[in-house]
Amino acid sequence: MAFQISWEKQANTIGVEDSVVVLHDAKNRLEIWPALGFNAYRWQLGAQELLYRSPQFFAEKKPTRTGLPILFPFPNRIRDGRFTWQGKTYSLPTNDPAKKNAIHGFATGRAWRVVDQGTNAGSAWITGEFHGSLDAPETRAQWPADYRLRVTYRLFDRVLRVEADADNPDTKALPFGVGYHPYFSLTPFGGPQAIVTVGASKRWELIDNLPTGKLLDLDEPRDLRHGQSFSVLQLDDVMTDLYTFAYDQQDHLGLTGVIQHPAGTAMLTLWTSAAFRELVLFTPPHREAICLEPYTCVTDAINLSPRGIESGLQMLQPGEHWQGTIEMHVSGE
C-alpha cells in the first residue's frame, strides 16, 4: 500500500474544530490535529503506539501533555511572564502549572492553517503555518515583532521527519526560539526498563524551573551518556553542550538521543540539526512516557540574552528565514 493522506473527524468536548489529518501506509500512521497546535498526537508503527496520548486529550484542553507539541515563538518558561526588549516591557499570561510564568509560546493551543500536502512512493507530508498577526492577533502586543512558522511533517517507513521554517514578516527584528515537546511512549521499548541515552555533558542550573545562567557538570542521576534505565530517572532538566553519537552527512543531522529496549529488540533514535543546542529531559508523573525535547534556546532565553548570557536566542531581520529539522527513527520489532 502506497502512502496516502486522508481526513477524519475526531469528536471532542473542548470546542475545537474536529478535522484531523492522517498520513499512512499499510504499517505507518501519523495523526495530526491542525486546529489544536498542529500537534502530531499519534504515531503508530503497526500496532505499536510510539507517542503517549493523554486519556483526556479530547476532553481537556491541555495540548502540551500529549503527542508532539510545537513550542513557538519561545519554548518553556519566561520568568513572571515579563521581559524587556529594546527598551519596551512586554507582559504575557502567566499560564505555567504554578501560574507564575508564561510557558511554551503561543502556538500549542491555537489553530494552524494547512498550506501544503502531498505523497510519493515512499512518504507522505503535510505543512501547517502559524502566523502571529493572522492566527493569534491578540499576541501581537506580547512579542517584539510579528512571526511566522511553517512546520512540515514527513512520514516515511519507520521515520518521522519534522522540518521547521521560521521567517520574519515584520519591519523590525524578531527574537524567537523553537522547541518540540515529544512524549515518547515507553511501551515499545520495555516500559520502565527502557534504556535512555543522551549526548549531553552539561546542564543549566535551575531554580523553580528557571535557569540562573550558570552551567553545571552532570551528576550521576542526570548523566545519560552511557545509558540509564528509565526506572531510576526523575528528570525535569535543561541539558546542553550536546554532542552527537553519529552524524548524517547528507541531512546534517546529529544523533543526540536514544530510547532502547533492554533486550536490544527495539530502538528509537532522535536526530537534530545543529541549531537545536538544548535538550530538555522530562519524566512525566504518570511514568508512561519520557520527553526528549529539542530546543533552539534555553528556558527564559529572552531574559538571559540581554544579560550577556549565551542562551541560543535566535534573531531574524525583516524578510530573513531560519530552518531546522529533527528526525525520529524506529528500528527493531
C-alpha atoms as a PDB file:
ATOM      1  CA  MET A   1       0.000   0.000   0.000  1.00  0.00           C
ATOM      2  CA  ALA A   2       1.424   3.366  -1.044  1.00  0.00           C
ATOM      3  CA  PHE A   3       1.444   6.329   1.313  1.00  0.00           C
ATOM      4  CA  GLN A   4      -1.827   8.244   1.434  1.00  0.00           C
ATOM      5  CA  ILE A   5      -3.379  11.296   3.099  1.00  0.00           C
ATOM      6  CA  SER A   6      -6.899  11.209   4.475  1.00  0.00           C
ATOM      7  CA  TRP A   7      -9.052  13.447   6.651  1.00  0.00           C
ATOM      8  CA  GLU A   8     -11.174  12.168   9.504  1.00  0.00           C
ATOM      9  CA  LYS A   9     -13.470  13.593  12.156  1.00  0.00           C
ATOM     10  CA  GLN A  10     -12.373  13.353  15.774  1.00  0.00           C
ATOM     11  CA  ALA A  11     -15.080  14.021  18.345  1.00  0.00           C
ATOM     12  CA  ASN A  12     -14.010  16.250  21.212  1.00  0.00           C
ATOM     13  CA  THR A  13     -15.623  18.175  24.042  1.00  0.00           C
ATOM     14  CA  ILE A  14     -13.226  21.122  24.136  1.00  0.00           C
ATOM     15  CA  GLY A  15     -14.844  23.164  21.376  1.00  0.00           C
ATOM     16  CA  VAL A  16     -12.076  22.680  18.812  1.00  0.00           C
ATOM     17  CA  GLU A  17     -12.711  22.065  15.102  1.00  0.00           C
ATOM     18  CA  ASP A  18     -12.777  18.290  14.693  1.00  0.00           C
ATOM     19  CA  SER A  19     -10.918  17.635  11.426  1.00  0.00           C
ATOM     20  CA  VAL A  20      -7.718  15.635  11.784  1.00  0.00           C
ATOM     21  CA  VAL A  21      -5.335  14.613   9.020  1.00  0.00           C
ATOM     22  CA  VAL A  22      -3.856  11.126   8.723  1.00  0.00           C
ATOM     23  CA  LEU A  23      -0.650  10.249   6.876  1.00  0.00           C
ATOM     24  CA  HIS A  24      -0.417   6.481   6.417  1.00  0.00           C
ATOM     25  CA  ASP A  25       0.503   3.366   4.526  1.00  0.00           C
ATOM     26  CA  ALA A  26      -0.016  -0.279   5.479  1.00  0.00           C
ATOM     27  CA  LYS A  27       2.332  -0.099   8.526  1.00  0.00           C
ATOM     28  CA  ASN A  28       2.895   3.569   9.407  1.00  0.00           C
ATOM     29  CA  ARG A  29       0.310   6.073  10.618  1.00  0.00           C
ATOM     30  CA  LEU A  30       0.528   9.669  11.838  1.00  0.00           C
ATOM     31  CA  GLU A  31      -2.488  11.644  13.075  1.00  0.00           C
ATOM     32  CA  ILE A  32      -2.289  15.452  13.274  1.00  0.00           C
ATOM     33  CA  TRP A  33      -4.792  17.947  14.667  1.00  0.00           C
ATOM     34  CA  PRO A  34      -4.385  21.266  12.806  1.00  0.00           C
ATOM     35  CA  ALA A  35      -6.920  23.077  15.000  1.00  0.00           C
ATOM     36  CA  LEU A  36      -5.016  22.239  18.195  1.00  0.00           C
ATOM     37  CA  GLY A  37      -1.496  23.448  17.574  1.00  0.00           C
ATOM     38  CA  PHE A  38      -0.824  21.214  14.540  1.00  0.00           C
ATOM     39  CA  ASN A  39       0.059  18.551  17.110  1.00  0.00           C
ATOM     40  CA  ALA A  40       1.073  15.122  15.766  1.00  0.00           C
ATOM     41  CA  TYR A  41      -0.744  13.444  18.635  1.00  0.00           C
ATOM     42  CA  ARG A  42      -0.498   9.838  17.418  1.00  0.00           C
ATOM     43  CA  TRP A  43       2.312   7.961  15.644  1.00  0.00           C
ATOM     44  CA  GLN A  44       1.897   4.242  15.063  1.00  0.00           C
ATOM     45  CA  LEU A  45       4.104   1.547  13.607  1.00  0.00           C
ATOM     46  CA  GLY A  46       1.905  -1.477  13.160  1.00  0.00           C
ATOM     47  CA  ALA A  47       0.179  -1.998  16.496  1.00  0.00           C
ATOM     48  CA  GLN A  48       2.838  -0.072  18.436  1.00  0.00           C
ATOM     49  CA  GLU A  49       1.997   3.381  19.793  1.00  0.00           C
ATOM     50  CA  LEU A  50       5.180   5.472  19.637  1.00  0.00           C
ATOM     51  CA  LEU A  51       3.766   8.635  21.216  1.00  0.00           C
ATOM     52  CA  TYR A  52       1.910   8.867  24.513  1.00  0.00           C
ATOM     53  CA  ARG A  53      -1.604  10.307  24.320  1.00  0.00           C
ATOM     54  CA  SER A  54      -3.374  11.500  27.456  1.00  0.00           C
ATOM     55  CA  PRO A  55      -6.699   9.712  28.072  1.00  0.00           C
ATOM     56  CA  GLN A  56      -8.218  13.197  28.456  1.00  0.00           C
ATOM     57  CA  PHE A  57      -6.733  14.642  25.270  1.00  0.00           C
ATOM     58  CA  PHE A  58     -10.096  15.075  23.539  1.00  0.00           C
ATOM     59  CA  ALA A  59     -11.902  16.187  26.699  1.00  0.00           C
ATOM     60  CA  GLU A  60      -9.437  18.539  28.379  1.00  0.00           C
ATOM     61  CA  LYS A  61      -7.675  21.360  26.560  1.00  0.00           C
ATOM     62  CA  LYS A  62      -4.103  20.698  27.694  1.00  0.00           C
ATOM     63  CA  PRO A  63      -2.306  20.318  24.355  1.00  0.00           C
ATOM     64  CA  THR A  64       1.224  20.245  25.770  1.00  0.00           C
ATOM     65  CA  ARG A  65       0.669  16.909  27.565  1.00  0.00           C
ATOM     66  CA  THR A  66       0.248  14.683  24.519  1.00  0.00           C
ATOM     67  CA  GLY A  67       1.969  13.766  21.293  1.00  0.00           C
ATOM     68  CA  LEU A  68       4.389  16.252  19.775  1.00  0.00           C
ATOM     69  CA  PRO A  69       3.540  19.845  20.792  1.00  0.00           C
ATOM     70  CA  ILE A  70       5.247  22.656  18.869  1.00  0.00           C
ATOM     71  CA  LEU A  71       6.621  25.441  21.084  1.00  0.00           C
ATOM     72  CA  PHE A  72       6.943  28.856  19.374  1.00  0.00           C
ATOM     73  CA  PRO A  73       7.988  31.720  19.467  1.00  0.00           C
ATOM     74  CA  PHE A  74       9.512  30.614  22.780  1.00  0.00           C
ATOM     75  CA  PRO A  75       9.858  27.193  24.414  1.00  0.00           C
ATOM     76  CA  ASN A  76       9.381  26.556  28.118  1.00  0.00           C
ATOM     77  CA  ARG A  77       9.073  29.464  30.573  1.00  0.00           C
ATOM     78  CA  ILE A  78       9.512  33.223  30.626  1.00  0.00           C
ATOM     79  CA  ARG A  79      10.090  34.420  34.162  1.00  0.00           C
ATOM     80  CA  ASP A  80       6.995  36.129  35.641  1.00  0.00           C
ATOM     81  CA  GLY A  81       5.634  36.394  32.096  1.00  0.00           C
ATOM     82  CA  ARG A  82       7.670  39.578  31.603  1.00  0.00           C
ATOM     83  CA  PHE A  83      10.697  40.748  29.653  1.00  0.00           C
ATOM     84  CA  THR A  84      12.141  43.987  28.354  1.00  0.00           C
ATOM     85  CA  TRP A  85      13.342  44.187  24.771  1.00  0.00           C
ATOM     86  CA  GLN A  86      14.922  47.281  23.235  1.00  0.00           C
ATOM     87  CA  GLY A  87      13.534  49.475  25.995  1.00  0.00           C
ATOM     88  CA  LYS A  88       9.974  48.160  25.906  1.00  0.00           C
ATOM     89  CA  THR A  89       8.477  45.850  28.536  1.00  0.00           C
ATOM     90  CA  TYR A  90       6.204  43.012  27.442  1.00  0.00           C
ATOM     91  CA  SER A  91       3.687  41.126  29.605  1.00  0.00           C
ATOM     92  CA  LEU A  92       2.408  37.627  28.828  1.00  0.00           C
ATOM     93  CA  PRO A  93      -0.199  35.432  30.534  1.00  0.00           C
ATOM     94  CA  THR A  94       1.276  33.507  33.482  1.00  0.00           C
ATOM     95  CA  ASN A  95      -0.022  30.122  32.374  1.00  0.00           C
ATOM     96  CA  ASP A  96       2.524  27.588  33.634  1.00  0.00           C
ATOM     97  CA  PRO A  97       1.289  24.998  36.207  1.00  0.00           C
ATOM     98  CA  ALA A  98       2.334  27.280  39.078  1.00  0.00           C
ATOM     99  CA  LYS A  99       0.599  30.287  37.454  1.00  0.00           C
ATOM    100  CA  LYS A 100       3.807  32.276  37.912  1.00  0.00           C
ATOM    101  CA  ASN A 101       5.412  32.273  34.463  1.00  0.00           C
ATOM    102  CA  ALA A 102       4.499  32.254  30.786  1.00  0.00           C
ATOM    103  CA  ILE A 103       5.081  28.883  29.158  1.00  0.00           C
ATOM    104  CA  HIS A 104       5.527  27.230  25.751  1.00  0.00           C
ATOM    105  CA  GLY A 105       4.731  30.051  23.352  1.00  0.00           C
ATOM    106  CA  PHE A 106       1.528  30.922  21.542  1.00  0.00           C
ATOM    107  CA  ALA A 107       1.102  28.103  19.036  1.00  0.00           C
ATOM    108  CA  THR A 108       0.208  24.982  21.022  1.00  0.00           C
ATOM    109  CA  GLY A 109      -3.488  25.616  21.661  1.00  0.00           C
ATOM    110  CA  ARG A 110      -4.401  27.591  18.561  1.00  0.00           C
ATOM    111  CA  ALA A 111      -5.487  26.633  15.062  1.00  0.00           C
ATOM    112  CA  TRP A 112      -2.901  26.331  12.293  1.00  0.00           C
ATOM    113  CA  ARG A 113      -3.641  26.567   8.587  1.00  0.00           C
ATOM    114  CA  VAL A 114      -2.712  23.692   6.245  1.00  0.00           C
ATOM    115  CA  VAL A 115      -0.795  25.176   3.309  1.00  0.00           C
ATOM    116  CA  ASP A 116       0.636  22.119   1.542  1.00  0.00           C
ATOM    117  CA  GLN A 117       0.356  18.332   1.410  1.00  0.00           C
ATOM    118  CA  GLY A 118       1.456  15.509  -0.828  1.00  0.00           C
ATOM    119  CA  THR A 119       2.599  11.927  -1.279  1.00  0.00           C
ATOM    120  CA  ASN A 120       5.102   9.951  -3.280  1.00  0.00           C
ATOM    121  CA  ALA A 121       6.135   6.310  -3.429  1.00  0.00           C
ATOM    122  CA  GLY A 122       7.972   6.413  -0.118  1.00  0.00           C
ATOM    123  CA  SER A 123       6.361   9.103   2.032  1.00  0.00           C
ATOM    124  CA  ALA A 124       3.515  11.472   2.813  1.00  0.00           C
ATOM    125  CA  TRP A 125       3.792  15.026   4.080  1.00  0.00           C
ATOM    126  CA  ILE A 126       1.721  17.943   5.266  1.00  0.00           C
ATOM    127  CA  THR A 127       2.688  21.548   6.053  1.00  0.00           C
ATOM    128  CA  GLY A 128       0.981  23.830   8.541  1.00  0.00           C
ATOM    129  CA  GLU A 129       1.516  27.552   9.073  1.00  0.00           C
ATOM    130  CA  PHE A 130       1.124  29.679  12.170  1.00  0.00           C
ATOM    131  CA  HIS A 131       1.364  33.439  11.601  1.00  0.00           C
ATOM    132  CA  GLY A 132       1.072  35.672  14.651  1.00  0.00           C
ATOM    133  CA  SER A 133      -0.839  38.618  13.198  1.00  0.00           C
ATOM    134  CA  LEU A 134      -3.278  36.311  11.355  1.00  0.00           C
ATOM    135  CA  ASP A 135      -3.699  33.345  13.671  1.00  0.00           C
ATOM    136  CA  ALA A 136      -3.157  34.885  17.109  1.00  0.00           C
ATOM    137  CA  PRO A 137      -3.592  38.659  16.698  1.00  0.00           C
ATOM    138  CA  GLU A 138      -4.122  39.096  20.444  1.00  0.00           C
ATOM    139  CA  THR A 139      -0.462  38.100  20.980  1.00  0.00           C
ATOM    140  CA  ARG A 140       0.998  40.854  18.839  1.00  0.00           C
ATOM    141  CA  ALA A 141       1.260  43.227  21.808  1.00  0.00           C
ATOM    142  CA  GLN A 142       3.062  40.450  23.724  1.00  0.00           C
ATOM    143  CA  TRP A 143       6.029  39.973  21.377  1.00  0.00           C
ATOM    144  CA  PRO A 144       8.560  42.391  19.836  1.00  0.00           C
ATOM    145  CA  ALA A 145       7.733  41.564  16.201  1.00  0.00           C
ATOM    146  CA  ASP A 146       5.311  39.619  14.069  1.00  0.00           C
ATOM    147  CA  TYR A 147       6.338  35.990  13.497  1.00  0.00           C
ATOM    148  CA  ARG A 148       5.559  33.116  11.181  1.00  0.00           C
ATOM    149  CA  LEU A 149       6.387  29.420  11.359  1.00  0.00           C
ATOM    150  CA  ARG A 150       5.815  26.636   8.862  1.00  0.00           C
ATOM    151  CA  VAL A 151       6.184  23.046  10.032  1.00  0.00           C
ATOM    152  CA  THR A 152       6.199  20.042   7.713  1.00  0.00           C
ATOM    153  CA  TYR A 153       5.659  16.510   8.942  1.00  0.00           C
ATOM    154  CA  ARG A 154       7.118  13.873   6.596  1.00  0.00           C
ATOM    155  CA  LEU A 155       6.232  10.272   7.342  1.00  0.00           C
ATOM    156  CA  PHE A 156       8.412   7.532   5.881  1.00  0.00           C
ATOM    157  CA  ASP A 157       8.622   3.855   6.764  1.00  0.00           C
ATOM    158  CA  ARG A 158       9.781   3.885  10.426  1.00  0.00           C
ATOM    159  CA  VAL A 159      10.851   7.538  10.221  1.00  0.00           C
ATOM    160  CA  LEU A 160       9.124  10.783  11.203  1.00  0.00           C
ATOM    161  CA  ARG A 161      10.841  13.950   9.966  1.00  0.00           C
ATOM    162  CA  VAL A 162       9.802  17.404  11.232  1.00  0.00           C
ATOM    163  CA  GLU A 163      11.006  20.425   9.270  1.00  0.00           C
ATOM    164  CA  ALA A 164      10.604  23.986  10.565  1.00  0.00           C
ATOM    165  CA  ASP A 165      10.894  27.225   8.591  1.00  0.00           C
ATOM    166  CA  ALA A 166      10.542  30.450  10.591  1.00  0.00           C
ATOM    167  CA  ASP A 167      10.556  33.851   8.945  1.00  0.00           C
ATOM    168  CA  ASN A 168      10.169  37.469   9.915  1.00  0.00           C
ATOM    169  CA  PRO A 169       7.247  39.160   8.126  1.00  0.00           C
ATOM    170  CA  ASP A 170       7.683  42.377  10.137  1.00  0.00           C
ATOM    171  CA  THR A 171       9.722  45.545   9.614  1.00  0.00           C
ATOM    172  CA  LYS A 172      11.746  45.098  12.816  1.00  0.00           C
ATOM    173  CA  ALA A 173      13.971  42.361  14.220  1.00  0.00           C
ATOM    174  CA  LEU A 174      12.362  39.166  15.516  1.00  0.00           C
ATOM    175  CA  PRO A 175      13.794  37.292  18.535  1.00  0.00           C
ATOM    176  CA  PHE A 176      12.495  33.741  18.887  1.00  0.00           C
ATOM    177  CA  GLY A 177      13.070  30.137  19.826  1.00  0.00           C
ATOM    178  CA  VAL A 178      11.633  26.864  18.541  1.00  0.00           C
ATOM    179  CA  GLY A 179      11.095  23.753  20.606  1.00  0.00           C
ATOM    180  CA  TYR A 180       9.347  20.385  20.431  1.00  0.00           C
ATOM    181  CA  HIS A 181       7.891  18.506  23.398  1.00  0.00           C
ATOM    182  CA  PRO A 182       7.512  14.883  22.223  1.00  0.00           C
ATOM    183  CA  TYR A 183       6.117  12.326  24.648  1.00  0.00           C
ATOM    184  CA  PHE A 184       7.750   9.063  23.605  1.00  0.00           C
ATOM    185  CA  SER A 185       5.786   6.049  24.780  1.00  0.00           C
ATOM    186  CA  LEU A 186       7.882   3.581  26.738  1.00  0.00           C
ATOM    187  CA  THR A 187       5.766   0.511  25.961  1.00  0.00           C
ATOM    188  CA  PRO A 188       7.531  -0.493  22.702  1.00  0.00           C
ATOM    189  CA  PHE A 189      10.921  -0.177  24.391  1.00  0.00           C
ATOM    190  CA  GLY A 190      10.487  -2.254  27.536  1.00  0.00           C
ATOM    191  CA  GLY A 191       8.324   0.053  29.627  1.00  0.00           C
ATOM    192  CA  PRO A 192      10.082   1.286  32.790  1.00  0.00           C
ATOM    193  CA  GLN A 193      13.140  -0.841  31.951  1.00  0.00           C
ATOM    194  CA  ALA A 194      13.819   1.116  28.731  1.00  0.00           C
ATOM    195  CA  ILE A 195      17.382   2.395  28.450  1.00  0.00           C
ATOM    196  CA  VAL A 196      17.708   6.139  27.775  1.00  0.00           C
ATOM    197  CA  THR A 197      20.930   7.575  26.352  1.00  0.00           C
ATOM    198  CA  VAL A 198      21.566  11.284  25.710  1.00  0.00           C
ATOM    199  CA  GLY A 199      24.641  13.057  24.343  1.00  0.00           C
ATOM    200  CA  ALA A 200      24.863  15.970  26.781  1.00  0.00           C
ATOM    201  CA  SER A 201      27.693  16.869  29.138  1.00  0.00           C
ATOM    202  CA  LYS A 202      26.311  19.993  30.873  1.00  0.00           C
ATOM    203  CA  ARG A 203      23.071  21.189  32.364  1.00  0.00           C
ATOM    204  CA  TRP A 204      21.676  24.593  33.239  1.00  0.00           C
ATOM    205  CA  GLU A 205      21.298  25.296  36.923  1.00  0.00           C
ATOM    206  CA  LEU A 206      17.562  25.698  37.580  1.00  0.00           C
ATOM    207  CA  ILE A 207      15.735  27.265  40.485  1.00  0.00           C
ATOM    208  CA  ASP A 208      11.954  26.858  40.318  1.00  0.00           C
ATOM    209  CA  ASN A 209      12.333  25.555  36.738  1.00  0.00           C
ATOM    210  CA  LEU A 210      14.140  28.733  35.611  1.00  0.00           C
ATOM    211  CA  PRO A 211      17.838  28.941  34.693  1.00  0.00           C
ATOM    212  CA  THR A 212      20.122  31.089  36.775  1.00  0.00           C
ATOM    213  CA  GLY A 213      22.506  31.466  33.833  1.00  0.00           C
ATOM    214  CA  LYS A 214      25.066  29.069  35.312  1.00  0.00           C
ATOM    215  CA  LEU A 215      26.158  25.820  33.634  1.00  0.00           C
ATOM    216  CA  LEU A 216      26.853  22.744  35.768  1.00  0.00           C
ATOM    217  CA  ASP A 217      28.586  19.434  35.195  1.00  0.00           C
ATOM    218  CA  LEU A 218      26.283  16.436  35.211  1.00  0.00           C
ATOM    219  CA  ASP A 219      25.816  14.489  38.414  1.00  0.00           C
ATOM    220  CA  GLU A 220      25.209  10.743  38.204  1.00  0.00           C
ATOM    221  CA  PRO A 221      21.378  10.839  38.214  1.00  0.00           C
ATOM    222  CA  ARG A 222      21.434  13.129  35.168  1.00  0.00           C
ATOM    223  CA  ASP A 223      24.404  11.726  33.241  1.00  0.00           C
ATOM    224  CA  LEU A 224      22.873   9.623  30.460  1.00  0.00           C
ATOM    225  CA  ARG A 225      25.901   9.459  28.169  1.00  0.00           C
ATOM    226  CA  HIS A 226      26.280   5.737  28.791  1.00  0.00           C
ATOM    227  CA  GLY A 227      22.582   4.998  29.183  1.00  0.00           C
ATOM    228  CA  GLN A 228      20.399   4.582  32.255  1.00  0.00           C
ATOM    229  CA  SER A 229      17.224   2.672  32.933  1.00  0.00           C
ATOM    230  CA  PHE A 230      14.114   4.823  32.886  1.00  0.00           C
ATOM    231  CA  SER A 231      13.112   3.155  36.160  1.00  0.00           C
ATOM    232  CA  VAL A 232      15.725   5.197  38.086  1.00  0.00           C
ATOM    233  CA  LEU A 233      15.194   8.521  36.310  1.00  0.00           C
ATOM    234  CA  GLN A 234      13.445  11.550  37.839  1.00  0.00           C
ATOM    235  CA  LEU A 235      14.130  14.382  35.421  1.00  0.00           C
ATOM    236  CA  ASP A 236      12.988  17.899  34.635  1.00  0.00           C
ATOM    237  CA  ASP A 237      16.245  19.381  33.353  1.00  0.00           C
ATOM    238  CA  VAL A 238      17.642  21.505  30.548  1.00  0.00           C
ATOM    239  CA  MET A 239      20.704  19.769  29.103  1.00  0.00           C
ATOM    240  CA  THR A 240      23.256  21.423  26.846  1.00  0.00           C
ATOM    241  CA  ASP A 241      26.773  21.037  25.471  1.00  0.00           C
ATOM    242  CA  LEU A 242      25.309  18.361  23.209  1.00  0.00           C
ATOM    243  CA  TYR A 243      27.465  16.047  21.165  1.00  0.00           C
ATOM    244  CA  THR A 244      26.415  13.506  18.578  1.00  0.00           C
ATOM    245  CA  PHE A 245      26.842   9.737  18.735  1.00  0.00           C
ATOM    246  CA  ALA A 246      26.610   9.659  14.930  1.00  0.00           C
ATOM    247  CA  TYR A 247      26.215  12.179  12.121  1.00  0.00           C
ATOM    248  CA  ASP A 248      24.194  12.091   8.916  1.00  0.00           C
ATOM    249  CA  GLN A 249      26.331  13.917   6.349  1.00  0.00           C
ATOM    250  CA  GLN A 250      23.550  14.154   3.775  1.00  0.00           C
ATOM    251  CA  ASP A 251      20.948  15.810   6.014  1.00  0.00           C
ATOM    252  CA  HIS A 252      23.398  17.400   8.502  1.00  0.00           C
ATOM    253  CA  LEU A 253      21.671  15.806  11.465  1.00  0.00           C
ATOM    254  CA  GLY A 254      23.325  14.506  14.619  1.00  0.00           C
ATOM    255  CA  LEU A 255      22.162  11.610  16.782  1.00  0.00           C
ATOM    256  CA  THR A 256      21.618  13.047  20.257  1.00  0.00           C
ATOM    257  CA  GLY A 257      19.137  10.727  21.993  1.00  0.00           C
ATOM    258  CA  VAL A 258      18.264   7.012  22.104  1.00  0.00           C
ATOM    259  CA  ILE A 259      15.459   5.033  23.777  1.00  0.00           C
ATOM    260  CA  GLN A 260      16.174   1.302  23.616  1.00  0.00           C
ATOM    261  CA  HIS A 261      14.588  -1.929  24.774  1.00  0.00           C
ATOM    262  CA  PRO A 262      16.913  -3.546  27.355  1.00  0.00           C
ATOM    263  CA  ALA A 263      16.961  -6.721  25.238  1.00  0.00           C
ATOM    264  CA  GLY A 264      18.041  -4.712  22.185  1.00  0.00           C
ATOM    265  CA  THR A 265      14.926  -5.677  20.240  1.00  0.00           C
ATOM    266  CA  ALA A 266      13.629  -2.162  19.521  1.00  0.00           C
ATOM    267  CA  MET A 267      15.083   1.326  19.489  1.00  0.00           C
ATOM    268  CA  LEU A 268      14.036   4.912  18.826  1.00  0.00           C
ATOM    269  CA  THR A 269      16.713   7.432  17.852  1.00  0.00           C
ATOM    270  CA  LEU A 270      16.407  11.236  17.866  1.00  0.00           C
ATOM    271  CA  TRP A 271      18.395  13.199  15.277  1.00  0.00           C
ATOM    272  CA  THR A 272      18.588  17.009  15.290  1.00  0.00           C
ATOM    273  CA  SER A 273      20.142  19.781  13.245  1.00  0.00           C
ATOM    274  CA  ALA A 274      22.846  21.867  14.924  1.00  0.00           C
ATOM    275  CA  ALA A 275      20.551  24.761  15.852  1.00  0.00           C
ATOM    276  CA  PHE A 276      18.838  22.560  18.464  1.00  0.00           C
ATOM    277  CA  ARG A 277      21.506  23.172  21.093  1.00  0.00           C
ATOM    278  CA  GLU A 278      19.438  22.299  24.187  1.00  0.00           C
ATOM    279  CA  LEU A 279      17.612  19.101  25.078  1.00  0.00           C
ATOM    280  CA  VAL A 280      15.059  19.165  27.879  1.00  0.00           C
ATOM    281  CA  LEU A 281      14.656  15.824  29.658  1.00  0.00           C
ATOM    282  CA  PHE A 282      11.367  15.303  31.470  1.00  0.00           C
ATOM    283  CA  THR A 283       9.841  12.251  33.131  1.00  0.00           C
ATOM    284  CA  PRO A 284       6.087  12.920  33.454  1.00  0.00           C
ATOM    285  CA  PRO A 285       4.434  11.949  36.753  1.00  0.00           C
ATOM    286  CA  HIS A 286       2.342   9.228  35.068  1.00  0.00           C
ATOM    287  CA  ARG A 287       5.627   7.423  34.139  1.00  0.00           C
ATOM    288  CA  GLU A 288       4.223   6.148  30.827  1.00  0.00           C
ATOM    289  CA  ALA A 289       6.473   8.261  28.619  1.00  0.00           C
ATOM    290  CA  ILE A 290       9.731  10.152  28.506  1.00  0.00           C
ATOM    291  CA  CYS A 291      10.196  13.550  26.902  1.00  0.00           C
ATOM    292  CA  LEU A 292      13.385  14.308  24.968  1.00  0.00           C
ATOM    293  CA  GLU A 293      12.666  17.891  23.904  1.00  0.00           C
ATOM    294  CA  PRO A 294      14.923  19.589  21.320  1.00  0.00           C
ATOM    295  CA  TYR A 295      15.107  23.367  21.842  1.00  0.00           C
ATOM    296  CA  THR A 296      16.989  26.039  19.928  1.00  0.00           C
ATOM    297  CA  CYS A 297      17.433  28.038  23.127  1.00  0.00           C
ATOM    298  CA  VAL A 298      17.392  27.629  26.864  1.00  0.00           C
ATOM    299  CA  THR A 299      14.353  28.388  29.007  1.00  0.00           C
ATOM    300  CA  ASP A 300      13.829  32.172  29.528  1.00  0.00           C
ATOM    301  CA  ALA A 301      16.355  32.984  26.798  1.00  0.00           C
ATOM    302  CA  ILE A 302      14.749  36.329  26.083  1.00  0.00           C
ATOM    303  CA  ASN A 303      15.617  37.463  29.629  1.00  0.00           C
ATOM    304  CA  LEU A 304      19.034  35.792  29.753  1.00  0.00           C
ATOM    305  CA  SER A 305      20.302  37.129  26.427  1.00  0.00           C
ATOM    306  CA  PRO A 306      20.248  40.840  27.412  1.00  0.00           C
ATOM    307  CA  ARG A 307      22.363  39.857  30.430  1.00  0.00           C
ATOM    308  CA  GLY A 308      25.107  38.719  28.063  1.00  0.00           C
ATOM    309  CA  ILE A 309      24.421  35.002  28.617  1.00  0.00           C
ATOM    310  CA  GLU A 310      24.762  32.847  25.500  1.00  0.00           C
ATOM    311  CA  SER A 311      21.262  31.440  25.543  1.00  0.00           C
ATOM    312  CA  GLY A 312      20.697  30.353  21.939  1.00  0.00           C
ATOM    313  CA  LEU A 313      18.072  33.027  21.296  1.00  0.00           C
ATOM    314  CA  GLN A 314      17.541  33.240  17.528  1.00  0.00           C
ATOM    315  CA  MET A 315      17.256  36.561  15.698  1.00  0.00           C
ATOM    316  CA  LEU A 316      15.788  37.283  12.275  1.00  0.00           C
ATOM    317  CA  GLN A 317      15.895  40.572  10.440  1.00  0.00           C
ATOM    318  CA  PRO A 318      12.887  41.510   8.254  1.00  0.00           C
ATOM    319  CA  GLY A 319      12.486  39.030   5.417  1.00  0.00           C
ATOM    320  CA  GLU A 320      15.019  36.526   6.771  1.00  0.00           C
ATOM    321  CA  HIS A 321      14.349  32.794   7.253  1.00  0.00           C
ATOM    322  CA  TRP A 322      15.584  30.176   9.715  1.00  0.00           C
ATOM    323  CA  GLN A 323      15.326  26.434   9.134  1.00  0.00           C
ATOM    324  CA  GLY A 324      15.784  23.454  11.436  1.00  0.00           C
ATOM    325  CA  THR A 325      14.988  19.744  11.311  1.00  0.00           C
ATOM    326  CA  ILE A 326      14.552  16.821  13.663  1.00  0.00           C
ATOM    327  CA  GLU A 327      14.054  13.157  12.796  1.00  0.00           C
ATOM    328  CA  MET A 328      12.914  10.165  14.797  1.00  0.00           C
ATOM    329  CA  HIS A 329      13.818   6.672  13.576  1.00  0.00           C
ATOM    330  CA  VAL A 330      12.433   3.377  14.871  1.00  0.00           C
ATOM    331  CA  SER A 331      14.227   0.081  14.397  1.00  0.00           C
ATOM    332  CA  GLY A 332      13.679  -3.481  15.554  1.00  0.00           C
ATOM    333  CA  GLU A 333      10.366  -5.163  16.223  1.00  0.00           C
END
